[in-house]
Amino acid sequence: MTSAAITAPAAVWDAGGPYSLHQTLGIIGRGPADRTVRLTPGAAWLAFNTPDGPATLGLSQRGTELHARAWGPGAGHALAGAPALLGAGDDWSHFDSPDFHSTLPRLAREARRRHPAVRLPATGRVVDSLVPAILEQKVTSLEAHRGYATLVRKFGSPAPGAGSSGVPAELMVAPTPRQWAKIPSWEWHKAGVGPQRSATVLRAVASASGLERLAALPAAEAARKMQAIPGVGVWTAAEVTQRTHGDADQVAVGDYHLAAFVGWALAGKPVDDAGMLQLLEPWRGHRQRVVRMLYLSGFTKPAFGPRMSIQDHRGH
């Protein structure tokens, strides 16, 4: 029986209140060319590896109800993880309580009022989040997303059910850890990924089984343990736990733009990482929620200052 023919029963989860499928799952995809995720009107499609094999998860929203269907050997695993992926474990009650809410900066308060349907997703898939986060180290998002999309297209596999039952035909599953490990050095180079980042990916996938166990730990502990891999620092770990754990607090220290953005939004001036953490300290425990609200507020920092150049290693 082909993986496309292996389909688990559908599942339904009721969000119990305002819910936005696209705003919740939007942080999982790595750019518009990421074939492992597709957001379509009223629906979302994700393809990924599970301990039981590859799976495709199709999600649709009807009011507050989220309906899930799955295909492939990992269909049962995908359905079991769907509520956490959709943010079922993400509790905003303290953030939204009058006493706490009144302490938030004006931009965050107004954004939360306009966007009450956002949840923080928890994929539980560490390697799937760690590899693209490593590829985003010290390069522009455009360059990193281009490299990741190239490698998935060349070394991933078609998603179970792709092209049938409404599953987008272009949907793909990212390489397994073993497949990442077998990518030749020249293919990394052709994808625009330098040797430092590709070496870090190879070290990470060599520890894949241990990394996946980190999903069961608290986010802060998982982030610390992740940093035992040479080349994985605090920024990369935060980028991972925000997606794998629905981490409401970890902030991506070391991000090229974030500190200045937060500084301008909260203090009217650029700050460094230490200044950003000082500004966010009153909301410890919810600092990532505050950052999400600042981004959703539509605020933009002044457009001046140094810019990171886009490097293209593919033709060299």
C-alpha atoms as a PDB file:
ATOM      1  CA  MET A   1       0.000   0.000   0.000  1.00  0.00           C
ATOM      2  CA  THR A   2       1.422   3.389  -0.963  1.00  0.00           C
ATOM      3  CA  SER A   3       1.852   6.099   1.633  1.00  0.00           C
ATOM      4  CA  ALA A   4      -0.774   8.176  -0.196  1.00  0.00           C
ATOM      5  CA  ALA A   5      -3.338   5.470   0.469  1.00  0.00           C
ATOM      6  CA  ILE A   6      -2.717   5.292   4.209  1.00  0.00           C
ATOM      7  CA  THR A   7      -5.188   7.761   5.698  1.00  0.00           C
ATOM      8  CA  ALA A   8      -6.069   8.150   9.360  1.00  0.00           C
ATOM      9  CA  PRO A   9      -9.561   9.159  10.508  1.00  0.00           C
ATOM     10  CA  ALA A  10     -10.319  12.854  10.623  1.00  0.00           C
ATOM     11  CA  ALA A  11     -10.146  14.748  13.910  1.00  0.00           C
ATOM     12  CA  VAL A  12     -11.825  17.898  15.195  1.00  0.00           C
ATOM     13  CA  TRP A  13     -10.563  20.377  17.785  1.00  0.00           C
ATOM     14  CA  ASP A  14     -12.639  23.272  19.052  1.00  0.00           C
ATOM     15  CA  ALA A  15     -10.598  26.378  19.852  1.00  0.00           C
ATOM     16  CA  GLY A  16     -13.366  27.586  22.160  1.00  0.00           C
ATOM     17  CA  GLY A  17     -12.978  31.194  21.069  1.00  0.00           C
ATOM     18  CA  PRO A  18     -11.536  33.471  18.390  1.00  0.00           C
ATOM     19  CA  TYR A  19      -9.012  31.645  16.261  1.00  0.00           C
ATOM     20  CA  SER A  20      -6.914  32.438  13.187  1.00  0.00           C
ATOM     21  CA  LEU A  21      -5.446  29.448  11.369  1.00  0.00           C
ATOM     22  CA  HIS A  22      -3.126  31.525   9.202  1.00  0.00           C
ATOM     23  CA  GLN A  23      -1.863  33.854  11.938  1.00  0.00           C
ATOM     24  CA  THR A  24      -1.177  30.885  14.194  1.00  0.00           C
ATOM     25  CA  LEU A  25       0.628  28.703  11.655  1.00  0.00           C
ATOM     26  CA  GLY A  26       2.223  31.518   9.677  1.00  0.00           C
ATOM     27  CA  ILE A  27       5.522  31.376  11.590  1.00  0.00           C
ATOM     28  CA  ILE A  28       6.136  27.720  10.720  1.00  0.00           C
ATOM     29  CA  GLY A  29       6.865  28.132   7.007  1.00  0.00           C
ATOM     30  CA  ARG A  30      10.261  29.463   5.908  1.00  0.00           C
ATOM     31  CA  GLY A  31       9.351  31.853   3.121  1.00  0.00           C
ATOM     32  CA  PRO A  32       6.858  31.609   0.254  1.00  0.00           C
ATOM     33  CA  ALA A  33       8.923  28.954  -1.569  1.00  0.00           C
ATOM     34  CA  ASP A  34       8.861  26.523   1.386  1.00  0.00           C
ATOM     35  CA  ARG A  35       7.072  23.501  -0.068  1.00  0.00           C
ATOM     36  CA  THR A  36       6.575  21.819   3.315  1.00  0.00           C
ATOM     37  CA  VAL A  37       3.810  24.309   4.230  1.00  0.00           C
ATOM     38  CA  ARG A  38       0.963  25.747   2.184  1.00  0.00           C
ATOM     39  CA  LEU A  39      -1.600  28.216   3.492  1.00  0.00           C
ATOM     40  CA  THR A  40      -4.691  28.457   1.287  1.00  0.00           C
ATOM     41  CA  PRO A  41      -7.994  30.287   1.876  1.00  0.00           C
ATOM     42  CA  GLY A  42      -9.544  28.739   4.967  1.00  0.00           C
ATOM     43  CA  ALA A  43      -7.032  25.890   5.103  1.00  0.00           C
ATOM     44  CA  ALA A  44      -3.453  24.893   5.808  1.00  0.00           C
ATOM     45  CA  TRP A  45      -1.359  21.992   4.562  1.00  0.00           C
ATOM     46  CA  LEU A  46       1.779  20.699   6.249  1.00  0.00           C
ATOM     47  CA  ALA A  47       4.022  17.778   5.321  1.00  0.00           C
ATOM     48  CA  PHE A  48       6.634  16.419   7.692  1.00  0.00           C
ATOM     49  CA  ASN A  49       8.449  13.350   8.977  1.00  0.00           C
ATOM     50  CA  THR A  50       7.200  11.474  12.052  1.00  0.00           C
ATOM     51  CA  PRO A  51       8.598   8.461  13.946  1.00  0.00           C
ATOM     52  CA  ASP A  52       6.157   6.354  11.892  1.00  0.00           C
ATOM     53  CA  GLY A  53       7.113   7.832   8.517  1.00  0.00           C
ATOM     54  CA  PRO A  54       6.096  10.845   6.429  1.00  0.00           C
ATOM     55  CA  ALA A  55       2.713  12.503   6.873  1.00  0.00           C
ATOM     56  CA  THR A  56       0.566  15.170   5.305  1.00  0.00           C
ATOM     57  CA  LEU A  57      -1.745  17.117   7.608  1.00  0.00           C
ATOM     58  CA  GLY A  58      -4.640  19.073   6.135  1.00  0.00           C
ATOM     59  CA  LEU A  59      -6.392  21.613   8.357  1.00  0.00           C
ATOM     60  CA  SER A  60      -9.525  23.632   7.752  1.00  0.00           C
ATOM     61  CA  GLN A  61     -11.522  25.998   9.933  1.00  0.00           C
ATOM     62  CA  ARG A  62     -15.290  26.191  10.426  1.00  0.00           C
ATOM     63  CA  GLY A  63     -16.075  28.819  13.006  1.00  0.00           C
ATOM     64  CA  THR A  64     -14.120  27.872  16.121  1.00  0.00           C
ATOM     65  CA  GLU A  65     -13.754  24.258  14.978  1.00  0.00           C
ATOM     66  CA  LEU A  66     -10.542  23.067  13.363  1.00  0.00           C
ATOM     67  CA  HIS A  67     -10.907  19.959  11.207  1.00  0.00           C
ATOM     68  CA  ALA A  68      -7.841  17.802  10.520  1.00  0.00           C
ATOM     69  CA  ARG A  69      -7.204  15.027   8.007  1.00  0.00           C
ATOM     70  CA  ALA A  70      -3.946  13.179   7.497  1.00  0.00           C
ATOM     71  CA  TRP A  71      -2.276  10.965   4.916  1.00  0.00           C
ATOM     72  CA  GLY A  72       0.755   8.699   4.948  1.00  0.00           C
ATOM     73  CA  PRO A  73       2.392   6.236   7.364  1.00  0.00           C
ATOM     74  CA  GLY A  74       2.669   9.005   9.960  1.00  0.00           C
ATOM     75  CA  ALA A  75      -0.990  10.049   9.681  1.00  0.00           C
ATOM     76  CA  GLY A  76      -1.935   8.879  13.166  1.00  0.00           C
ATOM     77  CA  HIS A  77       1.034  10.655  14.710  1.00  0.00           C
ATOM     78  CA  ALA A  78       0.195  13.833  12.787  1.00  0.00           C
ATOM     79  CA  LEU A  79      -3.415  13.821  13.989  1.00  0.00           C
ATOM     80  CA  ALA A  80      -2.386  13.192  17.586  1.00  0.00           C
ATOM     81  CA  GLY A  81      -0.146  16.262  17.473  1.00  0.00           C
ATOM     82  CA  ALA A  82      -2.632  18.506  15.684  1.00  0.00           C
ATOM     83  CA  PRO A  83      -4.132  20.207  18.790  1.00  0.00           C
ATOM     84  CA  ALA A  84      -0.687  21.237  20.081  1.00  0.00           C
ATOM     85  CA  LEU A  85       0.270  22.405  16.594  1.00  0.00           C
ATOM     86  CA  LEU A  86      -2.878  24.529  16.522  1.00  0.00           C
ATOM     87  CA  GLY A  87      -2.048  26.075  19.901  1.00  0.00           C
ATOM     88  CA  ALA A  88      -4.262  24.069  22.233  1.00  0.00           C
ATOM     89  CA  GLY A  89      -1.635  24.314  24.968  1.00  0.00           C
ATOM     90  CA  ASP A  90      -1.072  28.037  24.490  1.00  0.00           C
ATOM     91  CA  ASP A  91      -2.721  29.872  27.393  1.00  0.00           C
ATOM     92  CA  TRP A  92      -3.207  33.633  26.974  1.00  0.00           C
ATOM     93  CA  SER A  93      -5.425  34.032  30.055  1.00  0.00           C
ATOM     94  CA  HIS A  94      -2.767  35.756  32.178  1.00  0.00           C
ATOM     95  CA  PHE A  95      -1.619  37.925  29.281  1.00  0.00           C
ATOM     96  CA  ASP A  96      -5.233  38.989  28.676  1.00  0.00           C
ATOM     97  CA  SER A  97      -6.102  39.533  32.349  1.00  0.00           C
ATOM     98  CA  PRO A  98      -6.966  43.188  33.095  1.00  0.00           C
ATOM     99  CA  ASP A  99      -4.123  43.696  35.572  1.00  0.00           C
ATOM    100  CA  PHE A 100      -1.430  42.348  33.254  1.00  0.00           C
ATOM    101  CA  HIS A 101      -2.936  43.709  30.044  1.00  0.00           C
ATOM    102  CA  SER A 102      -2.952  47.232  31.492  1.00  0.00           C
ATOM    103  CA  THR A 103       0.837  47.096  31.922  1.00  0.00           C
ATOM    104  CA  LEU A 104       1.508  46.311  28.263  1.00  0.00           C
ATOM    105  CA  PRO A 105       2.882  48.969  25.921  1.00  0.00           C
ATOM    106  CA  ARG A 106       0.181  50.727  23.916  1.00  0.00           C
ATOM    107  CA  LEU A 107       1.194  49.117  20.612  1.00  0.00           C
ATOM    108  CA  ALA A 108       0.924  45.624  22.098  1.00  0.00           C
ATOM    109  CA  ARG A 109      -2.414  46.354  23.798  1.00  0.00           C
ATOM    110  CA  GLU A 110      -3.953  47.674  20.593  1.00  0.00           C
ATOM    111  CA  ALA A 111      -2.552  44.799  18.523  1.00  0.00           C
ATOM    112  CA  ARG A 112      -3.966  42.214  20.932  1.00  0.00           C
ATOM    113  CA  ARG A 113      -7.364  43.925  20.780  1.00  0.00           C
ATOM    114  CA  ARG A 114      -7.285  43.671  16.973  1.00  0.00           C
ATOM    115  CA  HIS A 115      -5.797  40.159  16.902  1.00  0.00           C
ATOM    116  CA  PRO A 116      -7.438  38.104  19.663  1.00  0.00           C
ATOM    117  CA  ALA A 117      -7.313  34.961  17.504  1.00  0.00           C
ATOM    118  CA  VAL A 118      -3.542  34.370  17.522  1.00  0.00           C
ATOM    119  CA  ARG A 119      -2.148  31.237  19.188  1.00  0.00           C
ATOM    120  CA  LEU A 120       1.466  30.092  19.473  1.00  0.00           C
ATOM    121  CA  PRO A 121       1.890  26.741  17.696  1.00  0.00           C
ATOM    122  CA  ALA A 122       3.888  23.832  19.102  1.00  0.00           C
ATOM    123  CA  THR A 123       5.060  21.468  16.374  1.00  0.00           C
ATOM    124  CA  GLY A 124       7.072  19.153  18.651  1.00  0.00           C
ATOM    125  CA  ARG A 125       9.470  18.562  15.717  1.00  0.00           C
ATOM    126  CA  VAL A 126      12.909  19.821  16.686  1.00  0.00           C
ATOM    127  CA  VAL A 127      14.983  18.832  13.641  1.00  0.00           C
ATOM    128  CA  ASP A 128      12.389  20.270  11.249  1.00  0.00           C
ATOM    129  CA  SER A 129      12.737  23.647  12.963  1.00  0.00           C
ATOM    130  CA  LEU A 130      16.456  23.487  13.725  1.00  0.00           C
ATOM    131  CA  VAL A 131      17.764  22.875  10.202  1.00  0.00           C
ATOM    132  CA  PRO A 132      16.173  25.965   8.598  1.00  0.00           C
ATOM    133  CA  ALA A 133      17.065  28.049  11.663  1.00  0.00           C
ATOM    134  CA  ILE A 134      20.723  27.081  11.206  1.00  0.00           C
ATOM    135  CA  LEU A 135      20.500  28.045   7.537  1.00  0.00           C
ATOM    136  CA  GLU A 136      19.279  31.501   8.623  1.00  0.00           C
ATOM    137  CA  GLN A 137      22.373  32.200  10.727  1.00  0.00           C
ATOM    138  CA  LYS A 138      24.233  35.385   9.719  1.00  0.00           C
ATOM    139  CA  VAL A 139      22.578  35.731   6.316  1.00  0.00           C
ATOM    140  CA  THR A 140      19.467  37.486   5.043  1.00  0.00           C
ATOM    141  CA  SER A 141      16.119  35.725   5.243  1.00  0.00           C
ATOM    142  CA  LEU A 142      15.920  35.838   1.448  1.00  0.00           C
ATOM    143  CA  GLU A 143      19.201  33.968   1.045  1.00  0.00           C
ATOM    144  CA  ALA A 144      18.357  31.431   3.758  1.00  0.00           C
ATOM    145  CA  HIS A 145      14.860  30.754   2.451  1.00  0.00           C
ATOM    146  CA  ARG A 146      16.188  30.324  -1.074  1.00  0.00           C
ATOM    147  CA  GLY A 147      18.771  27.791   0.089  1.00  0.00           C
ATOM    148  CA  TYR A 148      16.312  25.813   2.204  1.00  0.00           C
ATOM    149  CA  ALA A 149      13.738  25.697  -0.604  1.00  0.00           C
ATOM    150  CA  THR A 150      16.399  24.471  -3.033  1.00  0.00           C
ATOM    151  CA  LEU A 151      17.543  21.670  -0.742  1.00  0.00           C
ATOM    152  CA  VAL A 152      14.005  20.522   0.084  1.00  0.00           C
ATOM    153  CA  ARG A 153      13.094  20.479  -3.593  1.00  0.00           C
ATOM    154  CA  LYS A 154      16.179  18.431  -4.537  1.00  0.00           C
ATOM    155  CA  PHE A 155      16.461  16.083  -1.550  1.00  0.00           C
ATOM    156  CA  GLY A 156      13.007  15.974   0.026  1.00  0.00           C
ATOM    157  CA  SER A 157      10.150  13.737  -1.100  1.00  0.00           C
ATOM    158  CA  PRO A 158       6.607  14.294  -2.357  1.00  0.00           C
ATOM    159  CA  ALA A 159       4.090  14.643   0.461  1.00  0.00           C
ATOM    160  CA  PRO A 160       1.751  11.678   0.984  1.00  0.00           C
ATOM    161  CA  GLY A 161      -1.406  12.277  -1.009  1.00  0.00           C
ATOM    162  CA  ALA A 162       0.090  15.194  -2.984  1.00  0.00           C
ATOM    163  CA  GLY A 163      -2.047  15.999  -5.995  1.00  0.00           C
ATOM    164  CA  SER A 164      -5.112  14.107  -4.745  1.00  0.00           C
ATOM    165  CA  SER A 165      -7.906  14.664  -2.217  1.00  0.00           C
ATOM    166  CA  GLY A 166      -7.255  18.387  -2.362  1.00  0.00           C
ATOM    167  CA  VAL A 167      -3.629  18.079  -1.171  1.00  0.00           C
ATOM    168  CA  PRO A 168      -1.490  20.616  -3.081  1.00  0.00           C
ATOM    169  CA  ALA A 169       0.504  18.812  -5.769  1.00  0.00           C
ATOM    170  CA  GLU A 170       3.704  20.721  -4.949  1.00  0.00           C
ATOM    171  CA  LEU A 171       3.671  19.857  -1.212  1.00  0.00           C
ATOM    172  CA  MET A 172       6.862  18.119  -0.076  1.00  0.00           C
ATOM    173  CA  VAL A 173       8.359  16.517   3.015  1.00  0.00           C
ATOM    174  CA  ALA A 174      11.763  17.857   4.088  1.00  0.00           C
ATOM    175  CA  PRO A 175      14.683  15.415   4.105  1.00  0.00           C
ATOM    176  CA  THR A 176      14.975  13.028   7.036  1.00  0.00           C
ATOM    177  CA  PRO A 177      18.064  13.416   9.248  1.00  0.00           C
ATOM    178  CA  ARG A 178      19.707  10.574   7.317  1.00  0.00           C
ATOM    179  CA  GLN A 179      18.928  12.298   4.015  1.00  0.00           C
ATOM    180  CA  TRP A 180      20.308  15.634   5.252  1.00  0.00           C
ATOM    181  CA  ALA A 181      23.494  13.835   6.269  1.00  0.00           C
ATOM    182  CA  LYS A 182      23.965  12.403   2.771  1.00  0.00           C
ATOM    183  CA  ILE A 183      23.770  15.703   0.865  1.00  0.00           C
ATOM    184  CA  PRO A 184      27.134  16.184  -0.936  1.00  0.00           C
ATOM    185  CA  SER A 185      29.211  19.238  -0.047  1.00  0.00           C
ATOM    186  CA  TRP A 186      28.873  20.708  -3.539  1.00  0.00           C
ATOM    187  CA  GLU A 187      25.090  20.633  -3.304  1.00  0.00           C
ATOM    188  CA  TRP A 188      25.199  22.753  -0.145  1.00  0.00           C
ATOM    189  CA  HIS A 189      27.466  25.145  -2.034  1.00  0.00           C
ATOM    190  CA  LYS A 190      25.143  25.263  -5.054  1.00  0.00           C
ATOM    191  CA  ALA A 191      22.238  26.052  -2.698  1.00  0.00           C
ATOM    192  CA  GLY A 192      24.157  29.034  -1.309  1.00  0.00           C
ATOM    193  CA  VAL A 193      24.903  27.432   2.066  1.00  0.00           C
ATOM    194  CA  GLY A 194      28.438  28.015   3.296  1.00  0.00           C
ATOM    195  CA  PRO A 195      30.550  25.308   4.960  1.00  0.00           C
ATOM    196  CA  GLN A 196      30.088  26.672   8.484  1.00  0.00           C
ATOM    197  CA  ARG A 197      26.310  26.394   8.339  1.00  0.00           C
ATOM    198  CA  SER A 198      26.276  23.056   6.504  1.00  0.00           C
ATOM    199  CA  ALA A 199      28.707  21.622   9.069  1.00  0.00           C
ATOM    200  CA  THR A 200      26.402  22.756  11.885  1.00  0.00           C
ATOM    201  CA  VAL A 201      23.441  21.071  10.169  1.00  0.00           C
ATOM    202  CA  LEU A 202      25.432  17.842   9.874  1.00  0.00           C
ATOM    203  CA  ARG A 203      26.341  17.948  13.578  1.00  0.00           C
ATOM    204  CA  ALA A 204      22.683  18.542  14.445  1.00  0.00           C
ATOM    205  CA  VAL A 205      21.237  15.715  12.362  1.00  0.00           C
ATOM    206  CA  ALA A 206      23.864  13.347  13.781  1.00  0.00           C
ATOM    207  CA  SER A 207      22.133  13.942  17.146  1.00  0.00           C
ATOM    208  CA  ALA A 208      18.605  13.791  15.732  1.00  0.00           C
ATOM    209  CA  SER A 209      17.173  11.197  18.119  1.00  0.00           C
ATOM    210  CA  GLY A 210      18.377  13.117  21.155  1.00  0.00           C
ATOM    211  CA  LEU A 211      17.164  16.400  19.720  1.00  0.00           C
ATOM    212  CA  GLU A 212      13.643  15.121  19.191  1.00  0.00           C
ATOM    213  CA  ARG A 213      13.474  14.126  22.861  1.00  0.00           C
ATOM    214  CA  LEU A 214      13.953  17.807  23.731  1.00  0.00           C
ATOM    215  CA  ALA A 215      10.368  18.448  22.642  1.00  0.00           C
ATOM    216  CA  ALA A 216       9.200  16.822  25.882  1.00  0.00           C
ATOM    217  CA  LEU A 217      11.244  19.200  28.064  1.00  0.00           C
ATOM    218  CA  PRO A 218      10.304  22.731  29.133  1.00  0.00           C
ATOM    219  CA  ALA A 219      11.251  25.235  26.443  1.00  0.00           C
ATOM    220  CA  ALA A 220      14.027  26.959  28.394  1.00  0.00           C
ATOM    221  CA  GLU A 221      15.677  23.637  29.268  1.00  0.00           C
ATOM    222  CA  ALA A 222      15.360  22.404  25.698  1.00  0.00           C
ATOM    223  CA  ALA A 223      16.985  25.596  24.432  1.00  0.00           C
ATOM    224  CA  ARG A 224      19.935  25.192  26.829  1.00  0.00           C
ATOM    225  CA  LYS A 225      20.517  21.575  25.850  1.00  0.00           C
ATOM    226  CA  MET A 226      20.260  22.408  22.156  1.00  0.00           C
ATOM    227  CA  GLN A 227      23.143  24.826  22.528  1.00  0.00           C
ATOM    228  CA  ALA A 228      25.458  21.942  23.401  1.00  0.00           C
ATOM    229  CA  ILE A 229      25.768  21.421  19.626  1.00  0.00           C
ATOM    230  CA  PRO A 230      28.683  23.550  18.350  1.00  0.00           C
ATOM    231  CA  GLY A 231      27.296  26.272  16.115  1.00  0.00           C
ATOM    232  CA  VAL A 232      23.864  26.385  17.803  1.00  0.00           C
ATOM    233  CA  GLY A 233      23.582  29.491  19.934  1.00  0.00           C
ATOM    234  CA  VAL A 234      20.914  31.352  21.839  1.00  0.00           C
ATOM    235  CA  TRP A 235      19.387  32.926  18.704  1.00  0.00           C
ATOM    236  CA  THR A 236      19.011  29.614  16.899  1.00  0.00           C
ATOM    237  CA  ALA A 237      17.630  27.857  19.981  1.00  0.00           C
ATOM    238  CA  ALA A 238      15.016  30.572  20.495  1.00  0.00           C
ATOM    239  CA  GLU A 239      13.964  30.375  16.842  1.00  0.00           C
ATOM    240  CA  VAL A 240      13.415  26.648  17.352  1.00  0.00           C
ATOM    241  CA  THR A 241      11.539  26.639  20.672  1.00  0.00           C
ATOM    242  CA  GLN A 242       9.206  29.394  19.494  1.00  0.00           C
ATOM    243  CA  ARG A 243       7.937  26.848  16.965  1.00  0.00           C
ATOM    244  CA  THR A 244       8.446  23.485  18.670  1.00  0.00           C
ATOM    245  CA  HIS A 245       7.185  24.449  22.120  1.00  0.00           C
ATOM    246  CA  GLY A 246       4.909  27.414  21.480  1.00  0.00           C
ATOM    247  CA  ASP A 247       7.472  29.248  23.605  1.00  0.00           C
ATOM    248  CA  ALA A 248       5.804  32.387  24.962  1.00  0.00           C
ATOM    249  CA  ASP A 249       8.951  33.905  26.455  1.00  0.00           C
ATOM    250  CA  GLN A 250      12.206  33.186  24.593  1.00  0.00           C
ATOM    251  CA  VAL A 251      13.423  36.134  22.514  1.00  0.00           C
ATOM    252  CA  ALA A 252      15.833  35.711  19.604  1.00  0.00           C
ATOM    253  CA  VAL A 253      18.848  37.500  21.059  1.00  0.00           C
ATOM    254  CA  GLY A 254      21.374  38.154  18.311  1.00  0.00           C
ATOM    255  CA  ASP A 255      18.801  38.786  15.594  1.00  0.00           C
ATOM    256  CA  TYR A 256      20.035  41.327  13.050  1.00  0.00           C
ATOM    257  CA  HIS A 257      16.858  43.445  13.202  1.00  0.00           C
ATOM    258  CA  LEU A 258      14.889  42.536  16.328  1.00  0.00           C
ATOM    259  CA  ALA A 259      16.626  44.617  19.007  1.00  0.00           C
ATOM    260  CA  ALA A 260      16.408  47.796  16.952  1.00  0.00           C
ATOM    261  CA  PHE A 261      12.761  47.093  16.107  1.00  0.00           C
ATOM    262  CA  VAL A 262      11.828  46.564  19.760  1.00  0.00           C
ATOM    263  CA  GLY A 263      13.854  49.618  20.771  1.00  0.00           C
ATOM    264  CA  TRP A 264      12.093  51.905  18.328  1.00  0.00           C
ATOM    265  CA  ALA A 265       8.676  50.433  19.213  1.00  0.00           C
ATOM    266  CA  LEU A 266       9.059  50.718  22.986  1.00  0.00           C
ATOM    267  CA  ALA A 267      11.586  53.498  23.536  1.00  0.00           C
ATOM    268  CA  GLY A 268      11.654  55.498  20.314  1.00  0.00           C
ATOM    269  CA  LYS A 269      15.315  54.704  19.664  1.00  0.00           C
ATOM    270  CA  PRO A 270      17.468  51.750  18.602  1.00  0.00           C
ATOM    271  CA  VAL A 271      18.896  49.529  21.339  1.00  0.00           C
ATOM    272  CA  ASP A 272      21.229  46.533  21.489  1.00  0.00           C
ATOM    273  CA  ASP A 273      20.288  43.068  22.751  1.00  0.00           C
ATOM    274  CA  ALA A 274      20.871  44.006  26.376  1.00  0.00           C
ATOM    275  CA  GLY A 275      18.685  47.080  25.950  1.00  0.00           C
ATOM    276  CA  MET A 276      15.954  45.007  24.294  1.00  0.00           C
ATOM    277  CA  LEU A 277      15.912  42.509  27.162  1.00  0.00           C
ATOM    278  CA  GLN A 278      15.761  45.357  29.663  1.00  0.00           C
ATOM    279  CA  LEU A 279      12.786  46.887  27.846  1.00  0.00           C
ATOM    280  CA  LEU A 280      10.963  43.524  27.751  1.00  0.00           C
ATOM    281  CA  GLU A 281      11.809  42.496  31.335  1.00  0.00           C
ATOM    282  CA  PRO A 282       8.511  43.748  32.864  1.00  0.00           C
ATOM    283  CA  TRP A 283       6.713  41.099  30.801  1.00  0.00           C
ATOM    284  CA  ARG A 284       9.037  38.156  31.470  1.00  0.00           C
ATOM    285  CA  GLY A 285       7.194  34.943  30.823  1.00  0.00           C
ATOM    286  CA  HIS A 286       5.356  36.598  27.938  1.00  0.00           C
ATOM    287  CA  ARG A 287       8.160  38.417  26.125  1.00  0.00           C
ATOM    288  CA  GLN A 288       7.635  36.506  22.877  1.00  0.00           C
ATOM    289  CA  ARG A 289       3.923  37.274  23.008  1.00  0.00           C
ATOM    290  CA  VAL A 290       4.777  40.973  23.338  1.00  0.00           C
ATOM    291  CA  VAL A 291       7.126  40.757  20.337  1.00  0.00           C
ATOM    292  CA  ARG A 292       4.432  38.998  18.259  1.00  0.00           C
ATOM    293  CA  MET A 293       1.978  41.756  19.128  1.00  0.00           C
ATOM    294  CA  LEU A 294       4.494  44.459  18.224  1.00  0.00           C
ATOM    295  CA  TYR A 295       4.931  42.874  14.795  1.00  0.00           C
ATOM    296  CA  LEU A 296       1.160  42.516  14.349  1.00  0.00           C
ATOM    297  CA  SER A 297       0.695  46.161  15.328  1.00  0.00           C
ATOM    298  CA  GLY A 298       2.056  47.202  11.940  1.00  0.00           C
ATOM    299  CA  PHE A 299       4.769  49.354  13.507  1.00  0.00           C
ATOM    300  CA  THR A 300       7.890  49.800  11.383  1.00  0.00           C
ATOM    301  CA  LYS A 301      11.176  51.224  12.531  1.00  0.00           C
ATOM    302  CA  PRO A 302      12.747  54.122  10.622  1.00  0.00           C
ATOM    303  CA  ALA A 303      14.285  52.958   7.358  1.00  0.00           C
ATOM    304  CA  PHE A 304      17.870  54.000   7.760  1.00  0.00           C
ATOM    305  CA  GLY A 305      21.101  52.522   9.031  1.00  0.00           C
ATOM    306  CA  PRO A 306      23.331  49.716   7.754  1.00  0.00           C
ATOM    307  CA  ARG A 307      21.836  46.902   5.721  1.00  0.00           C
ATOM    308  CA  MET A 308      23.081  43.353   5.389  1.00  0.00           C
ATOM    309  CA  SER A 309      24.122  42.589   1.829  1.00  0.00           C
ATOM    310  CA  ILE A 310      22.642  39.584   0.054  1.00  0.00           C
ATOM    311  CA  GLN A 311      25.363  37.093  -0.815  1.00  0.00           C
ATOM    312  CA  ASP A 312      24.985  34.567  -3.623  1.00  0.00           C
ATOM    313  CA  HIS A 313      27.395  31.627  -3.419  1.00  0.00           C
ATOM    314  CA  ARG A 314      25.625  29.473  -5.966  1.00  0.00           C
ATOM    315  CA  GLY A 315      27.722  30.398  -8.973  1.00  0.00           C
ATOM    316  CA  HIS A 316      31.155  30.234  -7.331  1.00  0.00           C
END
